[in-house]
Amino acid sequence: MKKFIVETYYTCTFKTVHKLDDLNDQELSKIDSRSDGDVQVIDVKLNNRKTKKIGDKKDSKDKNFKINNPITNNLSNKMSESKQIKTENLAGLKNKNNLRFRMPDRRKGYIQKAQIGDHKVYLHTGEYDDGKIGEIFIDTNKEGELVKAMMNNFAIAISLGLQYGVPLEEYVDAFIDTKFEPSGNVVGNDRILSASSILDYVFRELAISYLGKEELAHTPSIARSKNNIESTDDKFLKIVKNITSKGFVRSNYEEKLVDLTDVRINLKSKN
C-alpha cells in the first residue's frame, strides 16, 4: 500500500514551427489556433518536488493518484494535434527513453570514392526522410581482412550512435585530425585535398556535406551566393528535398536545380 505521493514540477521550453504560404496579419492572427505545428523540445528543467503523506480522509482520493509529468502531457497533447512531426524531433523525443530510431527500409544517401595515398576509400551514407544522416559504411582496398573487419564494425558503431541520437558534431570533433596511415594527398574529392588518416577524411567529408562546416574544406564552395539566386517555388523545392540526398548536394538544393522554363517538349503523337 502506497503511503506517500511525490509531486515533481518541471518547466519545459519548446518551440512550435508553422509553415505559412503567405506572411500577413491575417495568417499570424490565426497561428495560435492552428494544430499543424511541429514541436521541438529546447530545454527541460526540474523546478520543485513535493511529498505528501496519505492517511487522512481528505487524501483518500489520492490513493489512485498518478504522478503526471505536466511537460509530457503538454507535449503529448501538442503532438497529437500535429499532422506531421519532423523526423529529427521525433527521434529526439524517443531518445529520451533510450530508444533507437531505425532507418527506413528504402533510404537516400550517396557514395563518395576517393584515394588517400595508394588506398581507395568508398564512403557510403544513409539518410532519414528529412535528410539527416543515420548510417555510414566504409570500404577500402589494399587492406587485410582484419583491418577491413575493424573498419566495418567501426562504421556500424557510428551508425548505431547516430540512430540513438548522438549528434554528428560529436564524432566530427572526436575524429578530425586523427593521424595514422594511410594519409597524405586525397584524389577524387572536390573539397578535400589531403587527410591525416581515413577517419580524418571520412568525418571531414561528413562535416562538410551534412553540417555545412566549410572551414574544414580545402577548396572554396562553388555554390552561388543565395543573394543572387532567384526565388524558387517552395512546393517544387520541397519535392526536390524529399527525393534528393542532402549529403550528395551538400544542402545546396537551389544551386543544383536546372532551369527548364525555356525548354519545350513536343508530346504530340505522330499518328
Protein backbone atom coordinates (compact mmCIF):
# COMPACT_ATOMS: atom_id res chain seq x y z
CA MET A 1 0.00 0.00 0.00
CA LYS A 2 1.38 3.36 -1.01
CA LYS A 3 1.75 5.86 1.83
CA PHE A 4 3.42 8.77 0.12
CA ILE A 5 2.82 10.80 -3.03
CA VAL A 6 5.70 12.55 -4.76
CA GLU A 7 4.85 15.50 -6.99
CA THR A 8 7.55 16.72 -9.36
CA TYR A 9 7.25 20.04 -11.18
CA TYR A 10 9.10 20.80 -14.42
CA THR A 11 9.47 23.77 -16.70
CA CYS A 12 9.78 22.95 -20.38
CA THR A 13 10.92 25.26 -23.13
CA PHE A 14 9.88 24.19 -26.60
CA LYS A 15 9.17 25.82 -29.89
CA THR A 16 6.40 25.23 -32.40
CA VAL A 17 7.14 25.70 -36.09
CA HIS A 18 4.35 26.54 -38.53
CA LYS A 19 4.66 26.73 -42.29
CA LEU A 20 2.75 29.58 -43.92
CA ASP A 21 2.00 30.07 -47.60
CA ASP A 22 1.86 33.82 -47.06
CA LEU A 23 3.09 36.12 -44.29
CA ASN A 24 0.44 38.67 -43.32
CA ASP A 25 -1.50 39.88 -40.28
CA GLN A 26 -4.46 37.63 -41.02
CA GLU A 27 -2.34 34.48 -41.12
CA LEU A 28 -0.40 35.50 -37.99
CA SER A 29 -3.61 36.12 -36.03
CA LYS A 30 -4.71 32.51 -36.64
CA ILE A 31 -1.36 30.86 -35.94
CA ASP A 32 -2.07 30.10 -32.26
CA SER A 33 -5.22 28.17 -33.15
CA ARG A 34 -3.52 26.01 -35.77
CA SER A 35 -2.85 22.37 -34.91
CA ASP A 36 -0.30 21.52 -37.61
CA GLY A 37 2.80 22.87 -35.87
CA ASP A 38 5.97 20.81 -35.45
CA VAL A 39 7.16 20.65 -31.83
CA GLN A 40 10.83 20.72 -30.86
CA VAL A 41 11.97 20.46 -27.24
CA ILE A 42 14.65 23.01 -26.34
CA ASP A 43 15.12 22.60 -22.57
CA VAL A 44 13.58 20.77 -19.59
CA LYS A 45 14.32 21.90 -16.02
CA LEU A 46 13.38 20.47 -12.65
CA ASN A 47 11.72 23.21 -10.58
CA ASN A 48 10.41 21.62 -7.42
CA ARG A 49 9.49 18.30 -5.82
CA LYS A 50 6.90 17.88 -3.04
CA THR A 51 5.88 14.84 -0.97
CA LYS A 52 2.52 14.17 0.67
CA LYS A 53 1.63 11.57 3.27
CA ILE A 54 -1.50 9.53 2.64
CA GLY A 55 -3.75 8.64 5.55
CA ASP A 56 -6.19 11.46 6.15
CA LYS A 57 -9.73 11.18 4.84
CA LYS A 58 -9.25 14.21 2.72
CA ASP A 59 -6.40 12.40 0.97
CA SER A 60 -8.45 9.28 0.19
CA LYS A 61 -8.83 10.40 -3.38
CA ASP A 62 -5.07 10.31 -3.73
CA LYS A 63 -4.92 6.52 -3.47
CA ASN A 64 -5.46 6.27 -7.20
CA PHE A 65 -3.23 9.27 -7.84
CA LYS A 66 -0.85 9.02 -10.72
CA ILE A 67 2.24 11.19 -10.94
CA ASN A 68 1.71 13.20 -14.07
CA ASN A 69 4.55 15.00 -15.72
CA PRO A 70 2.99 18.25 -16.99
CA ILE A 71 5.66 18.59 -19.64
CA THR A 72 4.96 15.16 -21.07
CA ASN A 73 1.23 15.86 -21.05
CA ASN A 74 1.63 19.18 -22.79
CA LEU A 75 3.91 17.73 -25.43
CA SER A 76 1.67 14.69 -25.94
CA ASN A 77 -1.36 16.92 -26.48
CA LYS A 78 0.59 19.18 -28.80
CA MET A 79 1.98 16.30 -30.82
CA SER A 80 -1.38 14.52 -31.06
CA GLU A 81 -2.78 17.66 -32.65
CA SER A 82 0.05 17.90 -35.15
CA LYS A 83 -0.49 16.30 -38.53
CA GLN A 84 3.21 15.69 -39.07
CA ILE A 85 6.28 15.78 -36.82
CA LYS A 86 9.75 16.17 -38.24
CA THR A 87 11.83 13.02 -38.04
CA GLU A 88 14.60 14.72 -36.11
CA ASN A 89 12.13 15.93 -33.44
CA LEU A 90 10.55 12.50 -33.13
CA ALA A 91 13.98 10.92 -32.81
CA GLY A 92 14.87 13.38 -30.07
CA LEU A 93 11.73 12.58 -28.09
CA LYS A 94 12.25 8.84 -28.45
CA ASN A 95 15.84 9.05 -27.38
CA LYS A 96 14.73 10.43 -24.01
CA ASN A 97 13.78 6.80 -23.32
CA ASN A 98 16.96 5.43 -24.94
CA LEU A 99 15.08 4.10 -27.95
CA ARG A 100 16.65 3.56 -31.33
CA PHE A 101 15.23 5.46 -34.28
CA ARG A 102 15.73 2.94 -37.06
CA MET A 103 16.48 3.79 -40.65
CA PRO A 104 13.72 3.43 -43.27
CA ASP A 105 13.96 0.31 -45.41
CA ARG A 106 14.33 2.39 -48.55
CA ARG A 107 16.61 5.36 -47.94
CA LYS A 108 18.57 8.12 -49.61
CA GLY A 109 22.30 8.69 -49.42
CA TYR A 110 25.40 8.89 -51.58
CA ILE A 111 28.71 7.15 -52.29
CA GLN A 112 31.96 9.11 -52.40
CA LYS A 113 35.01 7.44 -53.92
CA ALA A 114 38.42 8.89 -53.10
CA GLN A 115 42.04 7.82 -52.90
CA ILE A 116 44.31 8.53 -49.93
CA GLY A 117 47.87 7.79 -50.95
CA ASP A 118 47.66 4.37 -52.65
CA HIS A 119 44.47 3.36 -50.86
CA LYS A 120 40.97 3.71 -52.30
CA VAL A 121 38.21 4.58 -49.86
CA TYR A 122 34.48 4.30 -50.56
CA LEU A 123 32.22 6.17 -48.14
CA HIS A 124 28.54 5.16 -48.20
CA THR A 125 25.89 7.15 -46.31
CA GLY A 126 22.25 6.51 -45.44
CA GLU A 127 19.74 9.25 -44.64
CA TYR A 128 16.38 9.59 -42.95
CA ASP A 129 13.50 11.02 -44.94
CA ASP A 130 14.33 14.54 -43.74
CA GLY A 131 17.93 14.27 -44.99
CA LYS A 132 19.56 13.70 -41.59
CA ILE A 133 22.37 11.14 -41.70
CA GLY A 134 21.68 7.87 -39.89
CA GLU A 135 24.35 5.42 -41.04
CA ILE A 136 27.71 5.09 -42.77
CA PHE A 137 29.71 2.30 -44.41
CA ILE A 138 33.43 2.45 -45.15
CA ASP A 139 35.05 0.19 -47.77
CA THR A 140 38.78 0.14 -48.51
CA ASN A 141 41.13 -1.75 -50.78
CA LYS A 142 44.70 -2.98 -50.16
CA GLU A 143 43.83 -3.72 -46.55
CA GLY A 144 43.91 -7.07 -44.79
CA GLU A 145 40.78 -8.84 -43.62
CA LEU A 146 41.41 -7.72 -40.03
CA VAL A 147 41.57 -4.03 -40.95
CA LYS A 148 38.51 -4.31 -43.18
CA ALA A 149 36.56 -6.05 -40.42
CA MET A 150 37.61 -3.42 -37.87
CA MET A 151 36.65 -0.58 -40.21
CA ASN A 152 33.31 -2.21 -40.99
CA ASN A 153 32.45 -2.68 -37.31
CA PHE A 154 33.61 0.86 -36.55
CA ALA A 155 31.12 2.15 -39.13
CA ILE A 156 28.36 0.04 -37.56
CA ALA A 157 29.15 1.51 -34.14
CA ILE A 158 28.98 5.06 -35.54
CA SER A 159 25.69 4.25 -37.28
CA LEU A 160 24.14 2.90 -34.08
CA GLY A 161 25.24 6.01 -32.23
CA LEU A 162 23.62 8.25 -34.83
CA GLN A 163 20.39 6.25 -34.63
CA TYR A 164 20.34 6.59 -30.84
CA GLY A 165 20.68 10.36 -31.12
CA VAL A 166 24.41 11.06 -30.83
CA PRO A 167 25.00 14.30 -32.78
CA LEU A 168 27.27 14.04 -35.80
CA GLU A 169 29.17 17.05 -34.39
CA GLU A 170 30.43 14.89 -31.52
CA TYR A 171 32.00 12.38 -33.91
CA VAL A 172 33.48 15.14 -36.05
CA ASP A 173 35.15 16.75 -33.02
CA ALA A 174 36.48 13.36 -31.88
CA PHE A 175 37.97 12.09 -35.15
CA ILE A 176 39.04 15.18 -37.10
CA ASP A 177 42.88 15.43 -37.31
CA THR A 178 43.48 11.86 -36.10
CA LYS A 179 46.80 10.65 -37.51
CA PHE A 180 47.66 7.18 -38.83
CA GLU A 181 48.42 5.56 -42.18
CA PRO A 182 47.22 5.74 -44.87
CA SER A 183 47.47 9.52 -45.02
CA GLY A 184 48.53 12.20 -47.48
CA ASN A 185 47.05 13.65 -50.65
CA VAL A 186 43.39 12.95 -51.42
CA VAL A 187 42.32 12.37 -55.04
CA GLY A 188 38.69 12.25 -56.13
CA ASN A 189 37.07 14.61 -53.62
CA ASP A 190 36.44 18.15 -54.85
CA ARG A 191 36.51 19.70 -51.35
CA ILE A 192 39.25 17.72 -49.54
CA LEU A 193 42.81 17.67 -50.85
CA SER A 194 44.64 15.93 -48.01
CA ALA A 195 43.91 13.91 -44.88
CA SER A 196 45.93 12.74 -41.89
CA SER A 197 44.05 9.41 -41.78
CA ILE A 198 41.00 7.64 -43.17
CA LEU A 199 38.94 8.79 -40.18
CA ASP A 200 40.09 12.37 -40.63
CA TYR A 201 38.98 12.19 -44.26
CA VAL A 202 35.63 10.48 -43.55
CA PHE A 203 34.46 12.87 -40.85
CA ARG A 204 35.80 15.90 -42.69
CA GLU A 205 33.65 14.86 -45.66
CA LEU A 206 30.58 14.25 -43.47
CA ALA A 207 31.04 17.58 -41.69
CA ILE A 208 31.13 19.46 -45.00
CA SER A 209 28.22 17.58 -46.54
CA TYR A 210 25.82 17.34 -43.58
CA LEU A 211 26.88 20.11 -41.19
CA GLY A 212 27.98 22.79 -43.67
CA LYS A 213 31.38 23.17 -41.97
CA GLU A 214 33.12 24.95 -44.84
CA GLU A 215 36.11 25.75 -42.62
CA LEU A 216 37.11 22.07 -42.82
CA ALA A 217 37.24 22.12 -46.62
CA HIS A 218 40.44 22.83 -48.55
CA THR A 219 38.70 24.34 -51.57
CA PRO A 220 36.02 27.05 -51.66
CA SER A 221 32.45 26.09 -52.37
CA ILE A 222 31.39 26.68 -55.97
CA ALA A 223 27.82 27.32 -54.84
CA ARG A 224 26.50 30.71 -55.82
CA SER A 225 25.58 33.24 -53.20
CA LYS A 226 21.97 32.87 -52.08
CA ASN A 227 21.50 36.59 -52.65
CA ASN A 228 21.99 36.04 -56.37
CA ILE A 229 19.59 33.13 -56.63
CA GLU A 230 16.15 33.84 -58.00
CA SER A 231 13.29 32.76 -55.79
CA THR A 232 12.23 29.17 -56.36
CA ASP A 233 8.74 27.79 -55.87
CA ASP A 234 8.61 26.43 -52.31
CA LYS A 235 6.49 23.42 -53.24
CA PHE A 236 8.86 22.43 -56.02
CA LEU A 237 11.88 22.88 -53.76
CA LYS A 238 10.21 20.71 -51.10
CA ILE A 239 9.76 17.94 -53.67
CA VAL A 240 13.43 18.20 -54.62
CA LYS A 241 14.47 17.92 -50.95
CA ASN A 242 12.29 14.86 -50.44
CA ILE A 243 13.86 12.90 -53.29
CA THR A 244 17.45 14.19 -53.22
CA SER A 245 20.25 13.19 -50.87
CA LYS A 246 21.12 16.12 -48.63
CA GLY A 247 24.71 14.91 -48.39
CA PHE A 248 25.07 14.50 -52.15
CA VAL A 249 24.07 18.09 -52.95
CA ARG A 250 25.61 19.35 -49.66
CA SER A 251 22.33 21.12 -48.85
CA ASN A 252 22.69 23.42 -51.89
CA TYR A 253 19.33 22.46 -53.37
CA GLU A 254 18.74 25.79 -55.07
CA GLU A 255 22.14 25.72 -56.79
CA LYS A 256 21.58 22.19 -58.09
CA LEU A 257 18.27 22.95 -59.78
CA VAL A 258 18.21 23.16 -63.58
CA ASP A 259 16.04 25.85 -65.15
CA LEU A 260 13.91 24.22 -67.87
CA THR A 261 11.49 27.11 -68.37
CA ASP A 262 12.74 27.70 -71.91
CA VAL A 263 12.73 24.02 -72.89
CA ARG A 264 9.74 22.90 -74.88
CA ILE A 265 8.89 19.25 -75.38
CA ASN A 266 6.61 18.11 -78.19
CA LEU A 267 4.32 15.43 -76.74
CA LYS A 268 2.06 15.17 -79.78
CA SER A 269 1.66 11.74 -81.28
CA LYS A 270 2.92 11.15 -84.79
CA ASN A 271 -0.39 9.49 -85.74
